[in-house]
PDB file of N, CA and C in Angstrom:
ATOM      1  N   MET A   1     -14.837 -19.467  22.382  1.00  0.00           N
ATOM      2  CA  MET A   1     -14.718 -17.771  22.359  1.00  0.00           C
ATOM      3  C   MET A   1     -15.092 -17.581  23.749  1.00  0.00           C
ATOM      4  N   ASN A   2     -14.389 -16.401  24.140  1.00  0.00           N
ATOM      5  CA  ASN A   2     -14.603 -16.231  25.647  1.00  0.00           C
ATOM      6  C   ASN A   2     -15.308 -14.549  25.347  1.00  0.00           C
ATOM      7  N   PRO A   3     -16.612 -14.608  25.927  1.00  0.00           N
ATOM      8  CA  PRO A   3     -17.506 -13.592  25.482  1.00  0.00           C
ATOM      9  C   PRO A   3     -16.807 -12.268  26.495  1.00  0.00           C
ATOM     10  N   GLU A   4     -15.843 -12.433  27.285  1.00  0.00           N
ATOM     11  CA  GLU A   4     -15.679 -11.487  28.105  1.00  0.00           C
ATOM     12  C   GLU A   4     -14.548 -10.566  27.319  1.00  0.00           C
ATOM     13  N   ILE A   5     -13.828 -11.204  26.314  1.00  0.00           N
ATOM     14  CA  ILE A   5     -13.000 -10.215  25.802  1.00  0.00           C
ATOM     15  C   ILE A   5     -13.181  -9.743  24.418  1.00  0.00           C
ATOM     16  N   ALA A   6     -13.146  -8.327  24.210  1.00  0.00           N
ATOM     17  CA  ALA A   6     -13.234  -7.943  23.049  1.00  0.00           C
ATOM     18  C   ALA A   6     -12.303  -8.300  22.024  1.00  0.00           C
ATOM     19  N   ALA A   7     -12.856  -7.733  20.225  1.00  0.00           N
ATOM     20  CA  ALA A   7     -11.829  -8.142  19.384  1.00  0.00           C
ATOM     21  C   ALA A   7     -10.634  -7.361  19.579  1.00  0.00           C
ATOM     22  N   CYS A   8     -10.528  -6.153  20.294  1.00  0.00           N
ATOM     23  CA  CYS A   8      -9.407  -5.527  20.392  1.00  0.00           C
ATOM     24  C   CYS A   8      -8.394  -6.153  21.733  1.00  0.00           C
ATOM     25  N   GLY A   9      -8.976  -6.851  22.240  1.00  0.00           N
ATOM     26  CA  GLY A   9      -8.383  -7.327  23.495  1.00  0.00           C
ATOM     27  C   GLY A   9      -8.935  -6.727  24.847  1.00  0.00           C
ATOM     28  N   LEU A  10      -9.508  -6.023  24.931  1.00  0.00           N
ATOM     29  CA  LEU A  10     -10.017  -5.397  26.107  1.00  0.00           C
ATOM     30  C   LEU A  10     -10.827  -6.244  26.899  1.00  0.00           C
ATOM     31  N   PHE A  11     -10.997  -6.180  28.320  1.00  0.00           N
ATOM     32  CA  PHE A  11     -11.496  -6.989  28.690  1.00  0.00           C
ATOM     33  C   PHE A  11     -13.182  -6.606  29.290  1.00  0.00           C
ATOM     34  N   CYS A  12     -14.002  -7.179  28.955  1.00  0.00           N
ATOM     35  CA  CYS A  12     -15.109  -6.363  28.839  1.00  0.00           C
ATOM     36  C   CYS A  12     -15.784  -6.235  30.563  1.00  0.00           C
ATOM     37  N   ARG A  13     -15.439  -6.975  31.099  1.00  0.00           N
ATOM     38  CA  ARG A  13     -15.850  -6.694  32.502  1.00  0.00           C
ATOM     39  C   ARG A  13     -15.274  -5.335  33.075  1.00  0.00           C
ATOM     40  N   ALA A  14     -14.628  -4.720  32.097  1.00  0.00           N
ATOM     41  CA  ALA A  14     -13.868  -3.512  32.763  1.00  0.00           C
ATOM     42  C   ALA A  14     -15.054  -2.424  32.603  1.00  0.00           C
ATOM     43  N   CYS A  15     -16.250  -2.910  31.456  1.00  0.00           N
ATOM     44  CA  CYS A  15     -17.450  -1.799  31.354  1.00  0.00           C
ATOM     45  C   CYS A  15     -18.524  -1.772  32.518  1.00  0.00           C
ATOM     46  N   ARG A  16     -18.943  -0.744  32.709  1.00  0.00           N
ATOM     47  CA  ARG A  16     -20.309  -0.793  33.696  1.00  0.00           C
ATOM     48  C   ARG A  16     -21.280  -1.534  33.192  1.00  0.00           C
ATOM     49  N   LYS A  17     -21.659  -1.241  31.803  1.00  0.00           N
ATOM     50  CA  LYS A  17     -22.437  -1.482  31.034  1.00  0.00           C
ATOM     51  C   LYS A  17     -22.602  -3.317  30.916  1.00  0.00           C
ATOM     52  N   TYR A  18     -21.765  -3.975  30.449  1.00  0.00           N
ATOM     53  CA  TYR A  18     -21.438  -5.427  30.657  1.00  0.00           C
ATOM     54  C   TYR A  18     -21.622  -6.072  32.300  1.00  0.00           C
ATOM     55  N   ARG A  19     -21.101  -5.370  33.332  1.00  0.00           N
ATOM     56  CA  ARG A  19     -21.197  -5.751  34.461  1.00  0.00           C
ATOM     57  C   ARG A  19     -22.688  -5.881  34.957  1.00  0.00           C
ATOM     58  N   LYS A  20     -23.469  -4.812  34.373  1.00  0.00           N
ATOM     59  CA  LYS A  20     -24.986  -4.730  34.690  1.00  0.00           C
ATOM     60  C   LYS A  20     -26.033  -5.266  33.806  1.00  0.00           C
ATOM     61  N   GLY A  21     -25.147  -6.025  33.225  1.00  0.00           N
ATOM     62  CA  GLY A  21     -26.042  -6.938  31.755  1.00  0.00           C
ATOM     63  C   GLY A  21     -26.912  -6.004  30.704  1.00  0.00           C
ATOM     64  N   ALA A  22     -26.097  -4.892  30.545  1.00  0.00           N
ATOM     65  CA  ALA A  22     -26.887  -4.041  29.729  1.00  0.00           C
ATOM     66  C   ALA A  22     -25.992  -3.986  28.473  1.00  0.00           C
ATOM     67  N   CYS A  23     -24.911  -4.993  28.080  1.00  0.00           N
ATOM     68  CA  CYS A  23     -24.040  -4.837  26.869  1.00  0.00           C
ATOM     69  C   CYS A  23     -23.744  -5.954  26.769  1.00  0.00           C
ATOM     70  N   PRO A  24     -24.126  -6.891  25.486  1.00  0.00           N
ATOM     71  CA  PRO A  24     -23.701  -8.258  25.595  1.00  0.00           C
ATOM     72  C   PRO A  24     -22.180  -8.593  25.395  1.00  0.00           C
ATOM     73  N   GLY A  25     -21.383  -7.818  25.225  1.00  0.00           N
ATOM     74  CA  GLY A  25     -19.874  -7.627  25.103  1.00  0.00           C
ATOM     75  C   GLY A  25     -19.814  -7.508  23.499  1.00  0.00           C
ATOM     76  N   CYS A  26     -18.808  -7.639  22.908  1.00  0.00           N
ATOM     77  CA  CYS A  26     -18.210  -7.129  21.817  1.00  0.00           C
ATOM     78  C   CYS A  26     -19.143  -7.878  20.782  1.00  0.00           C
ATOM     79  N   HIS A  27     -18.690  -9.253  20.742  1.00  0.00           N
ATOM     80  CA  HIS A  27     -19.186  -9.628  19.463  1.00  0.00           C
ATOM     81  C   HIS A  27     -20.585  -9.825  19.347  1.00  0.00           C
ATOM     82  N   PRO A  28     -21.358 -10.111  20.308  1.00  0.00           N
ATOM     83  CA  PRO A  28     -22.736 -10.116  19.794  1.00  0.00           C
ATOM     84  C   PRO A  28     -23.624  -8.741  19.916  1.00  0.00           C
ATOM     85  N   ASN A  29     -22.661  -7.691  20.152  1.00  0.00           N
ATOM     86  CA  ASN A  29     -23.405  -6.677  20.024  1.00  0.00           C
ATOM     87  C   ASN A  29     -23.608  -6.119  18.682  1.00  0.00           C
ATOM     88  N   VAL A  30     -24.887  -5.827  18.256  1.00  0.00           N
ATOM     89  CA  VAL A  30     -25.204  -5.528  17.356  1.00  0.00           C
ATOM     90  C   VAL A  30     -25.200  -4.316  16.728  1.00  0.00           C
ATOM     91  N   ARG A  31     -25.437  -3.142  18.081  1.00  0.00           N
ATOM     92  CA  ARG A  31     -24.999  -1.751  17.854  1.00  0.00           C
ATOM     93  C   ARG A  31     -23.439  -1.415  17.791  1.00  0.00           C
ATOM     94  N   ALA A  32     -22.635  -2.473  17.791  1.00  0.00           N
ATOM     95  CA  ALA A  32     -21.395  -2.032  17.498  1.00  0.00           C
ATOM     96  C   ALA A  32     -20.455  -2.253  15.900  1.00  0.00           C
ATOM     97  N   THR A  33     -21.373  -2.133  15.174  1.00  0.00           N
ATOM     98  CA  THR A  33     -20.995  -2.554  14.147  1.00  0.00           C
ATOM     99  C   THR A  33     -20.469  -1.458  13.353  1.00  0.00           C
ATOM    100  N   TRP A  34     -19.938  -0.390  13.745  1.00  0.00           N
ATOM    101  CA  TRP A  34     -19.415   1.025  13.517  1.00  0.00           C
ATOM    102  C   TRP A  34     -17.742   0.872  14.084  1.00  0.00           C
ATOM    103  N   CYS A  35     -17.478  -0.464  14.859  1.00  0.00           N
ATOM    104  CA  CYS A  35     -16.057  -0.978  14.923  1.00  0.00           C
ATOM    105  C   CYS A  35     -15.621  -1.833  14.093  1.00  0.00           C
ATOM    106  N   ALA A  36     -14.406  -0.923  13.698  1.00  0.00           N
ATOM    107  CA  ALA A  36     -13.802  -1.528  11.925  1.00  0.00           C
ATOM    108  C   ALA A  36     -12.870  -3.151  12.827  1.00  0.00           C
ATOM    109  N   VAL A  37     -12.520  -2.799  14.108  1.00  0.00           N
ATOM    110  CA  VAL A  37     -11.650  -3.894  14.525  1.00  0.00           C
ATOM    111  C   VAL A  37     -12.520  -5.419  14.748  1.00  0.00           C
ATOM    112  N   ARG A  38     -13.729  -5.139  15.316  1.00  0.00           N
ATOM    113  CA  ARG A  38     -14.878  -5.985  15.739  1.00  0.00           C
ATOM    114  C   ARG A  38     -14.843  -6.796  14.280  1.00  0.00           C
ATOM    115  N   SER A  39     -15.550  -5.991  13.264  1.00  0.00           N
ATOM    116  CA  SER A  39     -15.872  -6.704  12.323  1.00  0.00           C
ATOM    117  C   SER A  39     -14.716  -7.456  11.351  1.00  0.00           C
ATOM    118  N   CYS A  40     -13.225  -6.941  11.409  1.00  0.00           N
ATOM    119  CA  CYS A  40     -12.339  -7.364  10.575  1.00  0.00           C
ATOM    120  C   CYS A  40     -12.404  -8.762  11.450  1.00  0.00           C
ATOM    121  N   CYS A  41     -12.362  -9.028  12.956  1.00  0.00           N
ATOM    122  CA  CYS A  41     -12.086 -10.162  13.723  1.00  0.00           C
ATOM    123  C   CYS A  41     -13.507 -11.110  13.105  1.00  0.00           C
ATOM    124  N   ILE A  42     -14.742 -10.703  13.187  1.00  0.00           N
ATOM    125  CA  ILE A  42     -15.781 -11.336  13.060  1.00  0.00           C
ATOM    126  C   ILE A  42     -15.604 -12.087  11.438  1.00  0.00           C
ATOM    127  N   GLY A  43     -15.212 -10.972  10.607  1.00  0.00           N
ATOM    128  CA  GLY A  43     -15.095 -11.651   9.385  1.00  0.00           C
ATOM    129  C   GLY A  43     -13.929 -12.577   9.120  1.00  0.00           C
ATOM    130  N   HIS A  44     -13.052 -12.684   9.618  1.00  0.00           N
ATOM    131  CA  HIS A  44     -11.805 -13.937   9.668  1.00  0.00           C
ATOM    132  C   HIS A  44     -12.234 -14.678  10.797  1.00  0.00           C
ATOM    133  N   GLY A  45     -13.229 -14.899  11.765  1.00  0.00           N
ATOM    134  CA  GLY A  45     -13.547 -15.735  12.803  1.00  0.00           C
ATOM    135  C   GLY A  45     -12.391 -15.983  13.849  1.00  0.00           C
ATOM    136  N   TRP A  46     -12.140 -14.642  14.221  1.00  0.00           N
ATOM    137  CA  TRP A  46     -11.165 -14.730  15.275  1.00  0.00           C
ATOM    138  C   TRP A  46     -11.860 -13.958  16.479  1.00  0.00           C
ATOM    139  N   GLN A  47     -11.148 -14.467  17.654  1.00  0.00           N
ATOM    140  CA  GLN A  47     -11.796 -13.823  18.988  1.00  0.00           C
ATOM    141  C   GLN A  47     -11.605 -12.631  19.318  1.00  0.00           C
ATOM    142  N   SER A  48     -10.159 -12.432  18.636  1.00  0.00           N
ATOM    143  CA  SER A  48      -9.565 -11.243  18.811  1.00  0.00           C
ATOM    144  C   SER A  48      -8.430 -10.991  17.996  1.00  0.00           C
ATOM    145  N   CYS A  49      -7.907  -9.513  17.674  1.00  0.00           N
ATOM    146  CA  CYS A  49      -6.629  -9.404  17.079  1.00  0.00           C
ATOM    147  C   CYS A  49      -5.500 -10.111  17.576  1.00  0.00           C
ATOM    148  N   ALA A  50      -5.516 -10.755  18.568  1.00  0.00           N
ATOM    149  CA  ALA A  50      -4.611 -11.924  19.100  1.00  0.00           C
ATOM    150  C   ALA A  50      -4.066 -13.187  18.113  1.00  0.00           C
ATOM    151  N   GLU A  51      -5.360 -13.121  17.633  1.00  0.00           N
ATOM    152  CA  GLU A  51      -5.250 -14.651  16.374  1.00  0.00           C
ATOM    153  C   GLU A  51      -4.764 -13.940  14.862  1.00  0.00           C
ATOM    154  N   CYS A  52      -4.614 -12.914  14.721  1.00  0.00           N
ATOM    155  CA  CYS A  52      -4.400 -12.319  13.095  1.00  0.00           C
ATOM    156  C   CYS A  52      -2.649 -12.587  13.188  1.00  0.00           C
ATOM    157  N   THR A  53      -2.544 -13.125  11.914  1.00  0.00           N
ATOM    158  CA  THR A  53      -1.264 -13.070  11.444  1.00  0.00           C
ATOM    159  C   THR A  53      -0.875 -12.195   9.726  1.00  0.00           C
ATOM    160  N   LEU A  54      -2.389 -11.087   9.793  1.00  0.00           N
ATOM    161  CA  LEU A  54      -2.035 -10.766   8.138  1.00  0.00           C
ATOM    162  C   LEU A  54      -0.857  -9.880   8.439  1.00  0.00           C
ATOM    163  N   GLN A  55      -0.671  -8.951   9.497  1.00  0.00           N
ATOM    164  CA  GLN A  55       0.352  -8.250   9.574  1.00  0.00           C
ATOM    165  C   GLN A  55       0.394  -7.838  10.690  1.00  0.00           C
ATOM    166  N   PRO A  56       1.860  -7.117  11.490  1.00  0.00           N
ATOM    167  CA  PRO A  56       1.909  -6.851  12.566  1.00  0.00           C
ATOM    168  C   PRO A  56       1.052  -5.840  13.259  1.00  0.00           C
ATOM    169  N   LEU A  57       1.052  -6.366  14.228  1.00  0.00           N
ATOM    170  CA  LEU A  57      -0.265  -5.141  15.212  1.00  0.00           C
ATOM    171  C   LEU A  57      -0.030  -3.711  14.982  1.00  0.00           C
ATOM    172  N   SER A  58       1.397  -3.404  14.929  1.00  0.00           N
ATOM    173  CA  SER A  58       1.640  -1.847  15.294  1.00  0.00           C
ATOM    174  C   SER A  58       1.287  -1.469  13.415  1.00  0.00           C
ATOM    175  N   GLU A  59       1.295  -2.266  12.326  1.00  0.00           N
ATOM    176  CA  GLU A  59       1.068  -1.747  11.044  1.00  0.00           C
ATOM    177  C   GLU A  59      -0.681  -1.727  10.730  1.00  0.00           C
ATOM    178  N   CYS A  60      -1.562  -1.929  11.852  1.00  0.00           N
ATOM    179  CA  CYS A  60      -2.892  -2.289  11.262  1.00  0.00           C
ATOM    180  C   CYS A  60      -3.391  -1.033  11.573  1.00  0.00           C
ATOM    181  N   ARG A  61      -4.126  -0.288  10.303  1.00  0.00           N
ATOM    182  CA  ARG A  61      -4.585   0.697  10.389  1.00  0.00           C
ATOM    183  C   ARG A  61      -6.047   0.888  11.350  1.00  0.00           C
ATOM    184  N   LYS A  62      -6.879  -0.455  10.760  1.00  0.00           N
ATOM    185  CA  LYS A  62      -7.984  -0.431  12.090  1.00  0.00           C
ATOM    186  C   LYS A  62      -7.777  -0.662  13.796  1.00  0.00           C
ATOM    187  N   PHE A  63      -6.736  -1.235  14.024  1.00  0.00           N
ATOM    188  CA  PHE A  63      -6.237  -1.547  15.228  1.00  0.00           C
ATOM    189  C   PHE A  63      -6.007  -0.169  15.822  1.00  0.00           C
ATOM    190  N   ASN A  64      -4.828   0.520  14.911  1.00  0.00           N
ATOM    191  CA  ASN A  64      -4.398   2.096  15.368  1.00  0.00           C
ATOM    192  C   ASN A  64      -5.201   3.072  14.817  1.00  0.00           C
ATOM    193  N   SER A  65      -6.437   3.167  14.635  1.00  0.00           N
ATOM    194  CA  SER A  65      -6.778   4.369  14.218  1.00  0.00           C
ATOM    195  C   SER A  65      -7.068   5.258  15.231  1.00  0.00           C
ATOM    196  N   PHE A  66      -7.556   6.512  14.801  1.00  0.00           N
ATOM    197  CA  PHE A  66      -7.728   7.501  15.790  1.00  0.00           C
ATOM    198  C   PHE A  66      -8.794   7.558  16.782  1.00  0.00           C
ATOM    199  N   ILE A  67      -9.768   6.625  16.631  1.00  0.00           N
ATOM    200  CA  ILE A  67     -10.593   6.413  17.539  1.00  0.00           C
ATOM    201  C   ILE A  67     -10.159   5.308  18.677  1.00  0.00           C
ATOM    202  N   GLY A  68      -9.467   4.298  18.478  1.00  0.00           N
ATOM    203  CA  GLY A  68      -9.048   3.549  18.862  1.00  0.00           C
ATOM    204  C   GLY A  68      -7.823   4.081  20.265  1.00  0.00           C
ATOM    205  N   LYS A  69      -7.249   5.206  19.821  1.00  0.00           N
ATOM    206  CA  LYS A  69      -6.252   5.881  20.410  1.00  0.00           C
ATOM    207  C   LYS A  69      -6.976   6.743  21.174  1.00  0.00           C
ATOM    208  N   VAL A  70      -7.934   7.218  20.959  1.00  0.00           N
ATOM    209  CA  VAL A  70      -8.884   7.945  21.769  1.00  0.00           C
ATOM    210  C   VAL A  70      -9.338   7.229  22.785  1.00  0.00           C
ATOM    211  N   PHE A  71     -10.086   6.162  22.386  1.00  0.00           N
ATOM    212  CA  PHE A  71     -10.890   5.221  23.356  1.00  0.00           C
ATOM    213  C   PHE A  71      -9.683   4.721  24.701  1.00  0.00           C
ATOM    214  N   GLY A  72      -8.420   4.318  23.863  1.00  0.00           N
ATOM    215  CA  GLY A  72      -7.343   3.787  24.811  1.00  0.00           C
ATOM    216  C   GLY A  72      -6.830   4.803  25.773  1.00  0.00           C
ATOM    217  N   PHE A  73      -7.177   6.196  25.601  1.00  0.00           N
ATOM    218  CA  PHE A  73      -6.618   7.440  26.478  1.00  0.00           C
ATOM    219  C   PHE A  73      -7.856   7.859  27.538  1.00  0.00           C
ATOM    220  N   VAL A  74      -9.092   7.621  26.931  1.00  0.00           N
ATOM    221  CA  VAL A  74     -10.068   7.660  27.757  1.00  0.00           C
ATOM    222  C   VAL A  74     -10.312   6.803  28.918  1.00  0.00           C
ATOM    223  N   PHE A  75     -10.315   5.162  28.431  1.00  0.00           N
ATOM    224  CA  PHE A  75     -10.590   4.423  29.593  1.00  0.00           C
ATOM    225  C   PHE A  75      -9.155   3.789  30.155  1.00  0.00           C
ATOM    226  N   ARG A  76      -7.868   4.657  29.741  1.00  0.00           N
ATOM    227  CA  ARG A  76      -6.635   4.327  30.405  1.00  0.00           C
ATOM    228  C   ARG A  76      -6.461   2.901  29.995  1.00  0.00           C
ATOM    229  N   SER A  77      -6.669   2.462  28.694  1.00  0.00           N
ATOM    230  CA  SER A  77      -6.142   1.072  28.492  1.00  0.00           C
ATOM    231  C   SER A  77      -4.882   0.696  27.689  1.00  0.00           C
ATOM    232  N   ASP A  78      -4.792  -0.482  27.935  1.00  0.00           N
ATOM    233  CA  ASP A  78      -3.564  -0.738  26.684  1.00  0.00           C
ATOM    234  C   ASP A  78      -3.750  -1.870  26.019  1.00  0.00           C
ATOM    235  N   ARG A  79      -4.412  -1.701  25.209  1.00  0.00           N
ATOM    236  CA  ARG A  79      -5.147  -2.792  23.844  1.00  0.00           C
ATOM    237  C   ARG A  79      -3.770  -3.428  23.301  1.00  0.00           C
ATOM    238  N   SER A  80      -2.848  -3.234  23.078  1.00  0.00           N
ATOM    239  CA  SER A  80      -1.768  -3.617  22.728  1.00  0.00           C
ATOM    240  C   SER A  80      -0.948  -4.519  23.520  1.00  0.00           C
ATOM    241  N   GLY A  81      -0.876  -4.044  24.777  1.00  0.00           N
ATOM    242  CA  GLY A  81      -0.662  -5.055  25.768  1.00  0.00           C
ATOM    243  C   GLY A  81      -1.443  -6.308  25.971  1.00  0.00           C
ATOM    244  N   CYS A  82      -2.591  -5.852  25.970  1.00  0.00           N
ATOM    245  CA  CYS A  82      -3.435  -7.221  26.038  1.00  0.00           C
ATOM    246  C   CYS A  82      -3.628  -7.958  25.196  1.00  0.00           C
ATOM    247  N   ILE A  83      -3.319  -7.521  23.627  1.00  0.00           N
ATOM    248  CA  ILE A  83      -3.317  -8.609  22.562  1.00  0.00           C
ATOM    249  C   ILE A  83      -2.251  -9.435  22.922  1.00  0.00           C
ATOM    250  N   ALA A  84      -1.158  -8.733  23.454  1.00  0.00           N
ATOM    251  CA  ALA A  84       0.085  -9.539  23.667  1.00  0.00           C
ATOM    252  C   ALA A  84       0.195 -10.528  24.638  1.00  0.00           C
ATOM    253  N   ARG A  85      -0.612 -10.171  25.733  1.00  0.00           N
ATOM    254  CA  ARG A  85      -0.772 -10.967  26.925  1.00  0.00           C
ATOM    255  C   ARG A  85      -1.412 -12.246  26.242  1.00  0.00           C
ATOM    256  N   ILE A  86      -2.785 -12.238  25.544  1.00  0.00           N
ATOM    257  CA  ILE A  86      -3.685 -13.201  25.047  1.00  0.00           C
ATOM    258  C   ILE A  86      -2.580 -13.731  24.417  1.00  0.00           C
ATOM    259  N   ARG A  87      -1.755 -13.545  23.387  1.00  0.00           N
ATOM    260  CA  ARG A  87      -1.031 -14.257  22.583  1.00  0.00           C
ATOM    261  C   ARG A  87      -0.150 -15.385  23.510  1.00  0.00           C
ATOM    262  N   GLU A  88       0.346 -14.612  24.381  1.00  0.00           N
ATOM    263  CA  GLU A  88       1.269 -15.501  25.187  1.00  0.00           C
ATOM    264  C   GLU A  88       0.514 -16.197  26.185  1.00  0.00           C
ATOM    265  N   VAL A  89      -0.487 -16.084  26.799  1.00  0.00           N
ATOM    266  CA  VAL A  89      -1.162 -17.135  27.705  1.00  0.00           C
ATOM    267  C   VAL A  89      -2.422 -17.717  27.124  1.00  0.00           C
ATOM    268  N   GLY A  90      -2.966 -17.022  26.102  1.00  0.00           N
ATOM    269  CA  GLY A  90      -4.535 -17.440  25.804  1.00  0.00           C
ATOM    270  C   GLY A  90      -5.372 -16.896  26.173  1.00  0.00           C
ATOM    271  N   ALA A  91      -6.612 -16.735  25.493  1.00  0.00           N
ATOM    272  CA  ALA A  91      -7.652 -16.109  25.690  1.00  0.00           C
ATOM    273  C   ALA A  91      -8.329 -16.258  27.261  1.00  0.00           C
ATOM    274  N   ASP A  92      -8.469 -17.727  27.589  1.00  0.00           N
ATOM    275  CA  ASP A  92      -8.984 -18.110  28.814  1.00  0.00           C
ATOM    276  C   ASP A  92      -8.347 -17.731  30.025  1.00  0.00           C
ATOM    277  N   ALA A  93      -6.992 -17.765  29.853  1.00  0.00           N
ATOM    278  CA  ALA A  93      -5.924 -17.721  30.992  1.00  0.00           C
ATOM    279  C   ALA A  93      -5.791 -15.979  31.373  1.00  0.00           C
ATOM    280  N   PHE A  94      -6.104 -14.998  30.203  1.00  0.00           N
ATOM    281  CA  PHE A  94      -5.888 -13.734  30.105  1.00  0.00           C
ATOM    282  C   PHE A  94      -7.197 -13.362  31.079  1.00  0.00           C
ATOM    283  N   ALA A  95      -8.278 -13.890  30.394  1.00  0.00           N
ATOM    284  CA  ALA A  95      -9.721 -13.526  31.390  1.00  0.00           C
ATOM    285  C   ALA A  95      -9.313 -13.816  32.675  1.00  0.00           C
ATOM    286  N   GLY A  96      -9.219 -14.971  32.846  1.00  0.00           N
ATOM    287  CA  GLY A  96      -8.805 -15.484  34.309  1.00  0.00           C
ATOM    288  C   GLY A  96      -7.840 -14.447  35.156  1.00  0.00           C
ATOM    289  N   GLU A  97      -6.903 -14.370  34.516  1.00  0.00           N
ATOM    290  CA  GLU A  97      -5.956 -13.185  35.174  1.00  0.00           C
ATOM    291  C   GLU A  97      -6.557 -11.719  35.439  1.00  0.00           C
ATOM    292  N   MET A  98      -7.362 -11.222  34.663  1.00  0.00           N
ATOM    293  CA  MET A  98      -8.163 -10.014  34.691  1.00  0.00           C
ATOM    294  C   MET A  98      -8.893  -9.827  35.998  1.00  0.00           C
ATOM    295  N   ARG A  99      -9.683 -11.285  35.985  1.00  0.00           N
ATOM    296  CA  ARG A  99     -10.975 -11.236  37.018  1.00  0.00           C
ATOM    297  C   ARG A  99      -9.869 -11.158  38.141  1.00  0.00           C
ATOM    298  N   ARG A 100      -9.202 -11.997  38.317  1.00  0.00           N
ATOM    299  CA  ARG A 100      -8.400 -12.197  39.773  1.00  0.00           C
ATOM    300  C   ARG A 100      -7.828 -10.954  40.292  1.00  0.00           C
ATOM    301  N   ALA A 101      -7.067 -10.071  39.156  1.00  0.00           N
ATOM    302  CA  ALA A 101      -6.172  -9.227  39.741  1.00  0.00           C
ATOM    303  C   ALA A 101      -7.099  -7.984  39.565  1.00  0.00           C
ATOM    304  N   GLY A 102      -8.144  -7.895  38.734  1.00  0.00           N
ATOM    305  CA  GLY A 102      -8.881  -6.272  38.949  1.00  0.00           C
ATOM    306  C   GLY A 102      -8.195  -5.382  38.074  1.00  0.00           C
ATOM    307  N   SER A 103      -7.280  -5.944  37.209  1.00  0.00           N
ATOM    308  CA  SER A 103      -6.738  -4.863  36.684  1.00  0.00           C
ATOM    309  C   SER A 103      -7.160  -5.055  35.211  1.00  0.00           C
ATOM    310  N   TYR A 104      -8.290  -4.336  35.011  1.00  0.00           N
ATOM    311  CA  TYR A 104      -9.045  -4.483  33.478  1.00  0.00           C
ATOM    312  C   TYR A 104      -8.443  -3.490  32.957  1.00  0.00           C
ATOM    313  N   ASN A 105      -8.128  -3.873  31.723  1.00  0.00           N
ATOM    314  CA  ASN A 105      -7.419  -3.618  30.539  1.00  0.00           C
ATOM    315  C   ASN A 105      -6.214  -2.714  30.493  1.00  0.00           C
ATOM    316  N   ARG A 106      -5.226  -3.242  31.578  1.00  0.00           N
ATOM    317  CA  ARG A 106      -4.056  -3.400  31.711  1.00  0.00           C
ATOM    318  C   ARG A 106      -3.554  -4.876  31.841  1.00  0.00           C
ATOM    319  N   PRO A 107      -2.709  -5.652  31.181  1.00  0.00           N
ATOM    320  CA  PRO A 107      -2.525  -6.683  31.137  1.00  0.00           C
ATOM    321  C   PRO A 107      -1.094  -7.042  32.345  1.00  0.00           C
ATOM    322  N   VAL A 108      -1.745  -7.952  33.145  1.00  0.00           N
ATOM    323  CA  VAL A 108      -1.154  -8.380  34.210  1.00  0.00           C
ATOM    324  C   VAL A 108       0.731  -8.369  34.080  1.00  0.00           C
ATOM    325  N   LYS A 109       1.195  -7.981  34.643  1.00  0.00           N
ATOM    326  CA  LYS A 109       3.064  -8.382  34.205  1.00  0.00           C
ATOM    327  C   LYS A 109       3.349  -9.364  35.161  1.00  0.00           C
ATOM    328  N   LYS A 110       3.870 -10.650  34.741  1.00  0.00           N
ATOM    329  CA  LYS A 110       4.512 -11.798  35.714  1.00  0.00           C
ATOM    330  C   LYS A 110       5.833 -11.620  35.804  1.00  0.00           C
TER     331      LYS A 110
END
């Protein structure tokens, strides 16, 4: 499991708290129990929504919740794009792309 990737597909290094060591990342963060996406992924043993086969991502109420949309707007992130890229290249390759490109929370287009 790559600790730099959140359950919703975001790259944790985009967060100042993570970079400063003030946040352990999504999965080990006991303060993030409010996140339904995190809870779902942990409950199913998944790194992220990229591993989900229960339903299309576009139909998932947890992933597409109001708070998720607000989060995406505030942080200018593309969670769906990140999940698609993780599915395409894998979690570790995705994390490597994000580190090299400095294009945090917007997937690298190749």
